[in-house]
């Protein structure tokens, strides 16, 4: 059975998003993402795998470039969200606990 779909634009604080990207890239590298990419590279990955965000940067051991490319991707997503019709509710995330945001969305969906 099909159910109606609701679309919400989750709008993060840009500075917080940038910090989150930088922290996540650092954590991925600390957890061995570069070594994983190197082992995949030895197996001959598909073109799709090689096009993955961060793959090339991890191969080149360039965390700064990975952060920059990820941030550029995030900015494009934010631009796409801003261009959505005004009928799509915008939900500001700035400094709010995600649990509270989710509860508000669920509450509005039941109205």
PDB file of N, CA and C in Angstrom:
ATOM      1  N   UNK A   1       0.842  -1.183   0.000  1.00  0.00           N
ATOM      2  CA  UNK A   1       0.000   0.000   0.000  1.00  0.00           C
ATOM      3  C   UNK A   1       0.887   1.247   0.000  1.00  0.00           C
ATOM      4  N   UNK A   2       0.563   2.153  -0.859  1.00  0.00           N
ATOM      5  CA  UNK A   2       1.334   3.397  -0.929  1.00  0.00           C
ATOM      6  C   UNK A   2       0.870   4.348   0.144  1.00  0.00           C
ATOM      7  N   UNK A   3       1.822   5.066   0.690  1.00  0.00           N
ATOM      8  CA  UNK A   3       1.523   6.080   1.702  1.00  0.00           C
ATOM      9  C   UNK A   3       2.028   7.425   1.193  1.00  0.00           C
ATOM     10  N   UNK A   4       1.364   8.491   1.582  1.00  0.00           N
ATOM     11  CA  UNK A   4       1.832   9.817   1.129  1.00  0.00           C
ATOM     12  C   UNK A   4       3.230  10.121   1.683  1.00  0.00           C
ATOM     13  N   UNK A   5       3.987  10.807   0.891  1.00  0.00           N
ATOM     14  CA  UNK A   5       5.347  11.181   1.278  1.00  0.00           C
ATOM     15  C   UNK A   5       5.373  12.659   1.632  1.00  0.00           C
ATOM     16  N   UNK A   6       6.051  12.975   2.707  1.00  0.00           N
ATOM     17  CA  UNK A   6       6.231  14.379   3.089  1.00  0.00           C
ATOM     18  C   UNK A   6       7.709  14.720   2.946  1.00  0.00           C
ATOM     19  N   UNK A   7       7.978  15.868   2.404  1.00  0.00           N
ATOM     20  CA  UNK A   7       9.346  16.319   2.206  1.00  0.00           C
ATOM     21  C   UNK A   7       9.609  17.496   3.135  1.00  0.00           C
ATOM     22  N   UNK A   8      10.725  17.436   3.844  1.00  0.00           N
ATOM     23  CA  UNK A   8      11.159  18.518   4.724  1.00  0.00           C
ATOM     24  C   UNK A   8      12.590  18.876   4.340  1.00  0.00           C
ATOM     25  N   UNK A   9      12.885  20.149   4.334  1.00  0.00           N
ATOM     26  CA  UNK A   9      14.245  20.623   4.069  1.00  0.00           C
ATOM     27  C   UNK A   9      14.923  20.864   5.415  1.00  0.00           C
ATOM     28  N   UNK A  10      15.867  19.995   5.771  1.00  0.00           N
ATOM     29  CA  UNK A  10      16.598  20.153   7.032  1.00  0.00           C
ATOM     30  C   UNK A  10      17.761  21.101   6.783  1.00  0.00           C
ATOM     31  N   UNK A  11      17.707  22.263   7.420  1.00  0.00           N
ATOM     32  CA  UNK A  11      18.650  23.339   7.161  1.00  0.00           C
ATOM     33  C   UNK A  11      19.640  23.476   8.322  1.00  0.00           C
ATOM     34  N   UNK A  12      20.845  22.942   8.160  1.00  0.00           N
ATOM     35  CA  UNK A  12      21.829  23.037   9.234  1.00  0.00           C
ATOM     36  C   UNK A  12      22.516  24.395   9.257  1.00  0.00           C
ATOM     37  N   UNK A  13      23.085  24.713  10.406  1.00  0.00           N
ATOM     38  CA  UNK A  13      23.943  25.888  10.517  1.00  0.00           C
ATOM     39  C   UNK A  13      25.211  25.609   9.716  1.00  0.00           C
ATOM     40  N   UNK A  14      25.594  26.518   8.840  1.00  0.00           N
ATOM     41  CA  UNK A  14      26.735  26.274   7.949  1.00  0.00           C
ATOM     42  C   UNK A  14      28.038  26.043   8.713  1.00  0.00           C
ATOM     43  N   UNK A  15      28.278  26.838   9.757  1.00  0.00           N
ATOM     44  CA  UNK A  15      29.520  26.664  10.515  1.00  0.00           C
ATOM     45  C   UNK A  15      29.544  25.313  11.228  1.00  0.00           C
ATOM     46  N   UNK A  16      28.411  24.937  11.807  1.00  0.00           N
ATOM     47  CA  UNK A  16      28.329  23.643  12.490  1.00  0.00           C
ATOM     48  C   UNK A  16      28.497  22.498  11.494  1.00  0.00           C
ATOM     49  N   UNK A  17      27.937  22.664  10.299  1.00  0.00           N
ATOM     50  CA  UNK A  17      28.074  21.639   9.267  1.00  0.00           C
ATOM     51  C   UNK A  17      29.529  21.488   8.848  1.00  0.00           C
ATOM     52  N   UNK A  18      30.193  22.606   8.665  1.00  0.00           N
ATOM     53  CA  UNK A  18      31.607  22.542   8.263  1.00  0.00           C
ATOM     54  C   UNK A  18      32.438  21.856   9.346  1.00  0.00           C
ATOM     55  N   UNK A  19      32.194  22.191  10.608  1.00  0.00           N
ATOM     56  CA  UNK A  19      32.912  21.543  11.714  1.00  0.00           C
ATOM     57  C   UNK A  19      32.621  20.051  11.754  1.00  0.00           C
ATOM     58  N   UNK A  20      31.379  19.682  11.521  1.00  0.00           N
ATOM     59  CA  UNK A  20      31.003  18.265  11.532  1.00  0.00           C
ATOM     60  C   UNK A  20      31.710  17.510  10.407  1.00  0.00           C
ATOM     61  N   UNK A  21      31.804  18.124   9.235  1.00  0.00           N
ATOM     62  CA  UNK A  21      32.502  17.495   8.110  1.00  0.00           C
ATOM     63  C   UNK A  21      33.965  17.281   8.461  1.00  0.00           C
ATOM     64  N   UNK A  22      34.602  18.319   8.997  1.00  0.00           N
ATOM     65  CA  UNK A  22      36.020  18.202   9.341  1.00  0.00           C
ATOM     66  C   UNK A  22      36.250  17.141  10.406  1.00  0.00           C
ATOM     67  N   UNK A  23      35.395  17.094  11.410  1.00  0.00           N
ATOM     68  CA  UNK A  23      35.530  16.086  12.470  1.00  0.00           C
ATOM     69  C   UNK A  23      35.317  14.682  11.915  1.00  0.00           C
ATOM     70  N   UNK A  24      34.320  14.542  11.033  1.00  0.00           N
ATOM     71  CA  UNK A  24      34.017  13.223  10.475  1.00  0.00           C
ATOM     72  C   UNK A  24      35.156  12.727   9.593  1.00  0.00           C
ATOM     73  N   UNK A  25      35.727  13.592   8.789  1.00  0.00           N
ATOM     74  CA  UNK A  25      36.861  13.188   7.948  1.00  0.00           C
ATOM     75  C   UNK A  25      38.033  12.762   8.831  1.00  0.00           C
ATOM     76  N   UNK A  26      38.326  13.546   9.864  1.00  0.00           N
ATOM     77  CA  UNK A  26      39.415  13.170  10.779  1.00  0.00           C
ATOM     78  C   UNK A  26      39.149  11.821  11.428  1.00  0.00           C
ATOM     79  N   UNK A  27      37.908  11.570  11.840  1.00  0.00           N
ATOM     80  CA  UNK A  27      37.556  10.294  12.477  1.00  0.00           C
ATOM     81  C   UNK A  27      37.677   9.134  11.488  1.00  0.00           C
ATOM     82  N   UNK A  28      37.235   9.349  10.260  1.00  0.00           N
ATOM     83  CA  UNK A  28      37.332   8.287   9.251  1.00  0.00           C
ATOM     84  C   UNK A  28      38.789   7.908   9.002  1.00  0.00           C
ATOM     85  N   UNK A  29      39.642   8.909   8.916  1.00  0.00           N
ATOM     86  CA  UNK A  29      41.057   8.643   8.680  1.00  0.00           C
ATOM     87  C   UNK A  29      41.670   7.924   9.879  1.00  0.00           C
ATOM     88  N   UNK A  30      41.321   8.363  11.081  1.00  0.00           N
ATOM     89  CA  UNK A  30      41.835   7.715  12.296  1.00  0.00           C
ATOM     90  C   UNK A  30      41.373   6.265  12.394  1.00  0.00           C
ATOM     91  N   UNK A  31      40.206   5.965  11.831  1.00  0.00           N
ATOM     92  CA  UNK A  31      39.663   4.608  11.895  1.00  0.00           C
ATOM     93  C   UNK A  31      40.113   3.733  10.726  1.00  0.00           C
ATOM     94  N   UNK A  32      41.007   4.260   9.881  1.00  0.00           N
ATOM     95  CA  UNK A  32      41.591   3.423   8.836  1.00  0.00           C
ATOM     96  C   UNK A  32      40.971   3.520   7.458  1.00  0.00           C
ATOM     97  N   UNK A  33      40.299   4.607   7.159  1.00  0.00           N
ATOM     98  CA  UNK A  33      39.667   4.743   5.841  1.00  0.00           C
ATOM     99  C   UNK A  33      40.696   4.713   4.718  1.00  0.00           C
ATOM    100  N   UNK A  34      41.847   5.326   4.937  1.00  0.00           N
ATOM    101  CA  UNK A  34      42.873   5.330   3.880  1.00  0.00           C
ATOM    102  C   UNK A  34      43.340   3.916   3.581  1.00  0.00           C
ATOM    103  N   UNK A  35      43.593   3.135   4.613  1.00  0.00           N
ATOM    104  CA  UNK A  35      44.045   1.760   4.433  1.00  0.00           C
ATOM    105  C   UNK A  35      42.978   0.935   3.704  1.00  0.00           C
ATOM    106  N   UNK A  36      41.716   1.199   4.021  1.00  0.00           N
ATOM    107  CA  UNK A  36      40.623   0.485   3.346  1.00  0.00           C
ATOM    108  C   UNK A  36      40.593   0.817   1.861  1.00  0.00           C
ATOM    109  N   UNK A  37      40.755   2.095   1.534  1.00  0.00           N
ATOM    110  CA  UNK A  37      40.760   2.503   0.130  1.00  0.00           C
ATOM    111  C   UNK A  37      41.965   1.901  -0.596  1.00  0.00           C
ATOM    112  N   UNK A  38      43.105   1.862   0.061  1.00  0.00           N
ATOM    113  CA  UNK A  38      44.287   1.263  -0.565  1.00  0.00           C
ATOM    114  C   UNK A  38      44.067  -0.219  -0.847  1.00  0.00           C
ATOM    115  N   UNK A  39      43.427  -0.939   0.060  1.00  0.00           N
ATOM    116  CA  UNK A  39      43.179  -2.364  -0.167  1.00  0.00           C
ATOM    117  C   UNK A  39      42.166  -2.560  -1.294  1.00  0.00           C
ATOM    118  N   UNK A  40      41.175  -1.697  -1.386  1.00  0.00           N
ATOM    119  CA  UNK A  40      40.200  -1.770  -2.476  1.00  0.00           C
ATOM    120  C   UNK A  40      40.889  -1.448  -3.798  1.00  0.00           C
ATOM    121  N   UNK A  41      41.766  -0.474  -3.787  1.00  0.00           N
ATOM    122  CA  UNK A  41      42.478  -0.075  -5.004  1.00  0.00           C
ATOM    123  C   UNK A  41      43.271  -1.251  -5.573  1.00  0.00           C
ATOM    124  N   UNK A  42      43.840  -2.066  -4.707  1.00  0.00           N
ATOM    125  CA  UNK A  42      44.601  -3.235  -5.153  1.00  0.00           C
ATOM    126  C   UNK A  42      43.720  -4.294  -5.806  1.00  0.00           C
ATOM    127  N   UNK A  43      42.421  -4.264  -5.545  1.00  0.00           N
ATOM    128  CA  UNK A  43      41.481  -5.235  -6.122  1.00  0.00           C
ATOM    129  C   UNK A  43      40.914  -4.769  -7.457  1.00  0.00           C
ATOM    130  N   UNK A  44      41.194  -3.527  -7.831  1.00  0.00           N
ATOM    131  CA  UNK A  44      40.674  -2.993  -9.088  1.00  0.00           C
ATOM    132  C   UNK A  44      39.219  -2.582  -8.979  1.00  0.00           C
ATOM    133  N   UNK A  45      38.944  -1.492  -8.265  1.00  0.00           N
ATOM    134  CA  UNK A  45      37.558  -1.071  -8.042  1.00  0.00           C
ATOM    135  C   UNK A  45      36.872  -0.591  -9.327  1.00  0.00           C
ATOM    136  N   UNK A  46      35.555  -0.573  -9.275  1.00  0.00           N
ATOM    137  CA  UNK A  46      34.773  -0.086 -10.413  1.00  0.00           C
ATOM    138  C   UNK A  46      34.930   1.427 -10.546  1.00  0.00           C
ATOM    139  N   UNK A  47      34.505   1.931 -11.683  1.00  0.00           N
ATOM    140  CA  UNK A  47      34.539   3.384 -11.902  1.00  0.00           C
ATOM    141  C   UNK A  47      33.630   4.087 -10.897  1.00  0.00           C
ATOM    142  N   UNK A  48      32.534   3.456 -10.544  1.00  0.00           N
ATOM    143  CA  UNK A  48      31.615   4.036  -9.565  1.00  0.00           C
ATOM    144  C   UNK A  48      32.299   4.182  -8.208  1.00  0.00           C
ATOM    145  N   UNK A  49      33.013   3.149  -7.788  1.00  0.00           N
ATOM    146  CA  UNK A  49      33.719   3.203  -6.504  1.00  0.00           C
ATOM    147  C   UNK A  49      34.787   4.293  -6.531  1.00  0.00           C
ATOM    148  N   UNK A  50      35.492   4.394  -7.629  1.00  0.00           N
ATOM    149  CA  UNK A  50      36.551   5.408  -7.738  1.00  0.00           C
ATOM    150  C   UNK A  50      35.991   6.830  -7.730  1.00  0.00           C
ATOM    151  N   UNK A  51      34.721   6.985  -8.125  1.00  0.00           N
ATOM    152  CA  UNK A  51      34.102   8.306  -8.161  1.00  0.00           C
ATOM    153  C   UNK A  51      33.528   8.712  -6.807  1.00  0.00           C
ATOM    154  N   UNK A  52      33.557   7.815  -5.840  1.00  0.00           N
ATOM    155  CA  UNK A  52      32.976   8.111  -4.525  1.00  0.00           C
ATOM    156  C   UNK A  52      33.670   9.309  -3.885  1.00  0.00           C
ATOM    157  N   UNK A  53      32.877  10.085  -3.183  1.00  0.00           N
ATOM    158  CA  UNK A  53      33.387  11.273  -2.503  1.00  0.00           C
ATOM    159  C   UNK A  53      34.491  10.880  -1.524  1.00  0.00           C
ATOM    160  N   UNK A  54      35.673  11.418  -1.709  1.00  0.00           N
ATOM    161  CA  UNK A  54      36.787  11.163  -0.815  1.00  0.00           C
ATOM    162  C   UNK A  54      37.728  10.061  -1.252  1.00  0.00           C
ATOM    163  N   UNK A  55      37.318   9.244  -2.214  1.00  0.00           N
ATOM    164  CA  UNK A  55      38.155   8.111  -2.630  1.00  0.00           C
ATOM    165  C   UNK A  55      39.523   8.585  -3.128  1.00  0.00           C
ATOM    166  N   UNK A  56      39.497   9.479  -4.101  1.00  0.00           N
ATOM    167  CA  UNK A  56      40.755   9.977  -4.687  1.00  0.00           C
ATOM    168  C   UNK A  56      41.614  10.674  -3.631  1.00  0.00           C
ATOM    169  N   UNK A  57      40.961  11.458  -2.766  1.00  0.00           N
ATOM    170  CA  UNK A  57      41.696  12.201  -1.743  1.00  0.00           C
ATOM    171  C   UNK A  57      42.350  11.247  -0.733  1.00  0.00           C
ATOM    172  N   UNK A  58      41.655  10.156  -0.396  1.00  0.00           N
ATOM    173  CA  UNK A  58      42.251   9.176   0.515  1.00  0.00           C
ATOM    174  C   UNK A  58      43.429   8.468  -0.140  1.00  0.00           C
ATOM    175  N   UNK A  59      43.311   8.171  -1.432  1.00  0.00           N
ATOM    176  CA  UNK A  59      44.432   7.548  -2.148  1.00  0.00           C
ATOM    177  C   UNK A  59      45.663   8.448  -2.121  1.00  0.00           C
ATOM    178  N   UNK A  60      45.416   9.745  -2.244  1.00  0.00           N
ATOM    179  CA  UNK A  60      46.514  10.707  -2.276  1.00  0.00           C
ATOM    180  C   UNK A  60      46.928  11.167  -0.884  1.00  0.00           C
ATOM    181  N   UNK A  61      46.286  10.607   0.149  1.00  0.00           N
ATOM    182  CA  UNK A  61      46.576  10.958   1.547  1.00  0.00           C
ATOM    183  C   UNK A  61      46.455  12.469   1.759  1.00  0.00           C
ATOM    184  N   UNK A  62      45.359  13.039   1.267  1.00  0.00           N
ATOM    185  CA  UNK A  62      45.143  14.480   1.330  1.00  0.00           C
ATOM    186  C   UNK A  62      43.828  14.778   2.068  1.00  0.00           C
ATOM    187  N   UNK A  63      43.895  14.778   3.385  1.00  0.00           N
ATOM    188  CA  UNK A  63      42.702  15.003   4.213  1.00  0.00           C
ATOM    189  C   UNK A  63      42.104  16.386   3.960  1.00  0.00           C
ATOM    190  N   UNK A  64      42.953  17.390   3.779  1.00  0.00           N
ATOM    191  CA  UNK A  64      42.438  18.744   3.540  1.00  0.00           C
ATOM    192  C   UNK A  64      41.610  18.810   2.257  1.00  0.00           C
ATOM    193  N   UNK A  65      42.085  18.138   1.202  1.00  0.00           N
ATOM    194  CA  UNK A  65      41.327  18.117  -0.049  1.00  0.00           C
ATOM    195  C   UNK A  65      40.013  17.363   0.128  1.00  0.00           C
ATOM    196  N   UNK A  66      40.027  16.306   0.929  1.00  0.00           N
ATOM    197  CA  UNK A  66      38.790  15.554   1.188  1.00  0.00           C
ATOM    198  C   UNK A  66      37.783  16.430   1.924  1.00  0.00           C
ATOM    199  N   UNK A  67      38.249  17.187   2.903  1.00  0.00           N
ATOM    200  CA  UNK A  67      37.364  18.097   3.637  1.00  0.00           C
ATOM    201  C   UNK A  67      36.803  19.164   2.704  1.00  0.00           C
ATOM    202  N   UNK A  68      37.657  19.707   1.849  1.00  0.00           N
ATOM    203  CA  UNK A  68      37.236  20.764   0.918  1.00  0.00           C
ATOM    204  C   UNK A  68      36.210  20.239  -0.085  1.00  0.00           C
ATOM    205  N   UNK A  69      36.462  19.054  -0.627  1.00  0.00           N
ATOM    206  CA  UNK A  69      35.535  18.488  -1.622  1.00  0.00           C
ATOM    207  C   UNK A  69      34.197  18.128  -0.969  1.00  0.00           C
ATOM    208  N   UNK A  70      34.241  17.608   0.249  1.00  0.00           N
ATOM    209  CA  UNK A  70      33.007  17.269   0.954  1.00  0.00           C
ATOM    210  C   UNK A  70      32.216  18.527   1.269  1.00  0.00           C
ATOM    211  N   UNK A  71      32.898  19.587   1.685  1.00  0.00           N
ATOM    212  CA  UNK A  71      32.234  20.859   1.966  1.00  0.00           C
ATOM    213  C   UNK A  71      31.593  21.432   0.705  1.00  0.00           C
ATOM    214  N   UNK A  72      32.272  21.329  -0.430  1.00  0.00           N
ATOM    215  CA  UNK A  72      31.708  21.814  -1.694  1.00  0.00           C
ATOM    216  C   UNK A  72      30.438  21.036  -2.040  1.00  0.00           C
ATOM    217  N   UNK A  73      30.447  19.732  -1.807  1.00  0.00           N
ATOM    218  CA  UNK A  73      29.270  18.904  -2.053  1.00  0.00           C
ATOM    219  C   UNK A  73      28.120  19.326  -1.133  1.00  0.00           C
ATOM    220  N   UNK A  74      28.432  19.560   0.130  1.00  0.00           N
ATOM    221  CA  UNK A  74      27.414  19.991   1.098  1.00  0.00           C
ATOM    222  C   UNK A  74      26.819  21.339   0.700  1.00  0.00           C
ATOM    223  N   UNK A  75      27.647  22.256   0.217  1.00  0.00           N
ATOM    224  CA  UNK A  75      27.141  23.562  -0.228  1.00  0.00           C
ATOM    225  C   UNK A  75      26.172  23.410  -1.399  1.00  0.00           C
ATOM    226  N   UNK A  76      26.489  22.499  -2.323  1.00  0.00           N
ATOM    227  CA  UNK A  76      25.572  22.256  -3.442  1.00  0.00           C
ATOM    228  C   UNK A  76      24.240  21.704  -2.940  1.00  0.00           C
ATOM    229  N   UNK A  77      24.295  20.848  -1.931  1.00  0.00           N
ATOM    230  CA  UNK A  77      23.052  20.327  -1.356  1.00  0.00           C
ATOM    231  C   UNK A  77      22.238  21.441  -0.709  1.00  0.00           C
ATOM    232  N   UNK A  78      22.903  22.343   0.000  1.00  0.00           N
ATOM    233  CA  UNK A  78      22.203  23.462   0.637  1.00  0.00           C
ATOM    234  C   UNK A  78      21.560  24.361  -0.416  1.00  0.00           C
ATOM    235  N   UNK A  79      22.252  24.581  -1.508  1.00  0.00           N
ATOM    236  CA  UNK A  79      21.698  25.384  -2.596  1.00  0.00           C
ATOM    237  C   UNK A  79      20.455  24.704  -3.158  1.00  0.00           C
ATOM    238  N   UNK A  80      20.527  23.400  -3.356  1.00  0.00           N
ATOM    239  CA  UNK A  80      19.386  22.643  -3.867  1.00  0.00           C
ATOM    240  C   UNK A  80      18.203  22.771  -2.906  1.00  0.00           C
ATOM    241  N   UNK A  81      18.458  22.673  -1.609  1.00  0.00           N
ATOM    242  CA  UNK A  81      17.387  22.787  -0.616  1.00  0.00           C
ATOM    243  C   UNK A  81      16.733  24.163  -0.665  1.00  0.00           C
ATOM    244  N   UNK A  82      17.540  25.221  -0.822  1.00  0.00           N
ATOM    245  CA  UNK A  82      16.986  26.575  -0.867  1.00  0.00           C
ATOM    246  C   UNK A  82      16.113  26.795  -2.096  1.00  0.00           C
ATOM    247  N   UNK A  83      16.348  26.029  -3.158  1.00  0.00           N
ATOM    248  CA  UNK A  83      15.581  26.195  -4.393  1.00  0.00           C
ATOM    249  C   UNK A  83      14.281  25.389  -4.400  1.00  0.00           C
ATOM    250  N   UNK A  84      14.052  24.601  -3.361  1.00  0.00           N
ATOM    251  CA  UNK A  84      12.803  23.849  -3.292  1.00  0.00           C
ATOM    252  C   UNK A  84      11.632  24.821  -3.195  1.00  0.00           C
ATOM    253  N   UNK A  85      10.461  24.407  -3.645  1.00  0.00           N
ATOM    254  CA  UNK A  85       9.288  25.294  -3.540  1.00  0.00           C
ATOM    255  C   UNK A  85       9.030  25.684  -2.086  1.00  0.00           C
ATOM    256  N   UNK A  86       8.439  26.852  -1.897  1.00  0.00           N
ATOM    257  CA  UNK A  86       8.161  27.344  -0.550  1.00  0.00           C
ATOM    258  C   UNK A  86       7.149  26.476   0.192  1.00  0.00           C
ATOM    259  N   UNK A  87       6.477  25.604  -0.517  1.00  0.00           N
ATOM    260  CA  UNK A  87       5.536  24.693   0.139  1.00  0.00           C
ATOM    261  C   UNK A  87       6.253  23.603   0.933  1.00  0.00           C
ATOM    262  N   UNK A  88       7.544  23.409   0.672  1.00  0.00           N
ATOM    263  CA  UNK A  88       8.332  22.431   1.428  1.00  0.00           C
ATOM    264  C   UNK A  88       8.771  23.088   2.735  1.00  0.00           C
ATOM    265  N   UNK A  89       8.354  22.531   3.872  1.00  0.00           N
ATOM    266  CA  UNK A  89       8.730  23.139   5.151  1.00  0.00           C
ATOM    267  C   UNK A  89      10.244  23.104   5.377  1.00  0.00           C
ATOM    268  N   UNK A  90      10.787  24.236   5.796  1.00  0.00           N
ATOM    269  CA  UNK A  90      12.209  24.321   6.164  1.00  0.00           C
ATOM    270  C   UNK A  90      12.303  24.106   7.666  1.00  0.00           C
ATOM    271  N   UNK A  91      13.222  23.257   8.066  1.00  0.00           N
ATOM    272  CA  UNK A  91      13.407  22.964   9.484  1.00  0.00           C
ATOM    273  C   UNK A  91      14.832  23.364   9.850  1.00  0.00           C
ATOM    274  N   UNK A  92      14.960  24.413  10.636  1.00  0.00           N
ATOM    275  CA  UNK A  92      16.275  24.890  11.075  1.00  0.00           C
ATOM    276  C   UNK A  92      16.820  23.940  12.141  1.00  0.00           C
ATOM    277  N   UNK A  93      18.062  23.510  11.952  1.00  0.00           N
ATOM    278  CA  UNK A  93      18.685  22.582  12.886  1.00  0.00           C
ATOM    279  C   UNK A  93      19.617  23.278  13.872  1.00  0.00           C
ATOM    280  N   UNK A  94      19.928  24.515  13.635  1.00  0.00           N
ATOM    281  CA  UNK A  94      20.939  25.263  14.379  1.00  0.00           C
ATOM    282  C   UNK A  94      20.871  25.059  15.885  1.00  0.00           C
ATOM    283  N   UNK A  95      21.819  24.302  16.401  1.00  0.00           N
ATOM    284  CA  UNK A  95      21.962  24.130  17.836  1.00  0.00           C
ATOM    285  C   UNK A  95      20.849  23.369  18.520  1.00  0.00           C
ATOM    286  N   UNK A  96      19.979  22.743  17.767  1.00  0.00           N
ATOM    287  CA  UNK A  96      18.855  22.024  18.352  1.00  0.00           C
ATOM    288  C   UNK A  96      19.161  20.533  18.396  1.00  0.00           C
ATOM    289  N   UNK A  97      18.775  19.856  19.465  1.00  0.00           N
ATOM    290  CA  UNK A  97      18.977  18.398  19.506  1.00  0.00           C
ATOM    291  C   UNK A  97      18.177  17.722  18.393  1.00  0.00           C
ATOM    292  N   UNK A  98      18.811  16.791  17.697  1.00  0.00           N
ATOM    293  CA  UNK A  98      18.137  16.135  16.580  1.00  0.00           C
ATOM    294  C   UNK A  98      16.893  15.369  17.023  1.00  0.00           C
ATOM    295  N   UNK A  99      16.908  14.872  18.249  1.00  0.00           N
ATOM    296  CA  UNK A  99      15.734  14.154  18.762  1.00  0.00           C
ATOM    297  C   UNK A  99      14.526  15.085  18.822  1.00  0.00           C
ATOM    298  N   UNK A 100      14.774  16.327  19.237  1.00  0.00           N
ATOM    299  CA  UNK A 100      13.683  17.304  19.322  1.00  0.00           C
ATOM    300  C   UNK A 100      13.173  17.669  17.933  1.00  0.00           C
ATOM    301  N   UNK A 101      14.090  17.850  17.000  1.00  0.00           N
ATOM    302  CA  UNK A 101      13.703  18.165  15.623  1.00  0.00           C
ATOM    303  C   UNK A 101      12.841  17.037  15.059  1.00  0.00           C
ATOM    304  N   UNK A 102      13.286  15.796  15.260  1.00  0.00           N
ATOM    305  CA  UNK A 102      12.538  14.643  14.758  1.00  0.00           C
ATOM    306  C   UNK A 102      11.145  14.584  15.385  1.00  0.00           C
ATOM    307  N   UNK A 103      11.064  14.841  16.690  1.00  0.00           N
ATOM    308  CA  UNK A 103       9.768  14.819  17.368  1.00  0.00           C
ATOM    309  C   UNK A 103       8.836  15.887  16.801  1.00  0.00           C
ATOM    310  N   UNK A 104       9.372  17.077  16.513  1.00  0.00           N
ATOM    311  CA  UNK A 104       8.557  18.147  15.943  1.00  0.00           C
ATOM    312  C   UNK A 104       8.045  17.775  14.548  1.00  0.00           C
ATOM    313  N   UNK A 105       8.898  17.151  13.758  1.00  0.00           N
ATOM    314  CA  UNK A 105       8.490  16.734  12.409  1.00  0.00           C
ATOM    315  C   UNK A 105       7.398  15.677  12.506  1.00  0.00           C
ATOM    316  N   UNK A 106       7.590  14.702  13.368  1.00  0.00           N
ATOM    317  CA  UNK A 106       6.580  13.653  13.537  1.00  0.00           C
ATOM    318  C   UNK A 106       5.261  14.235  14.049  1.00  0.00           C
ATOM    319  N   UNK A 107       5.362  15.187  14.959  1.00  0.00           N
ATOM    320  CA  UNK A 107       4.165  15.829  15.497  1.00  0.00           C
ATOM    321  C   UNK A 107       3.419  16.577  14.396  1.00  0.00           C
ATOM    322  N   UNK A 108       4.153  17.300  13.552  1.00  0.00           N
ATOM    323  CA  UNK A 108       3.506  18.058  12.472  1.00  0.00           C
ATOM    324  C   UNK A 108       2.911  17.128  11.425  1.00  0.00           C
ATOM    325  N   UNK A 109       3.473  15.942  11.267  1.00  0.00           N
ATOM    326  CA  UNK A 109       2.975  14.998  10.276  1.00  0.00           C
ATOM    327  C   UNK A 109       1.647  14.367  10.704  1.00  0.00           C
ATOM    328  N   UNK A 110       1.399  14.344  11.989  1.00  0.00           N
ATOM    329  CA  UNK A 110       0.152  13.726  12.479  1.00  0.00           C
ATOM    330  C   UNK A 110      -0.992  14.726  12.516  1.00  0.00           C
ATOM    331  N   UNK A 111      -0.709  15.973  12.256  1.00  0.00           N
ATOM    332  CA  UNK A 111      -1.781  17.001  12.273  1.00  0.00           C
ATOM    333  C   UNK A 111      -2.562  16.975  10.994  1.00  0.00           C
TER     334      UNK A 111
END
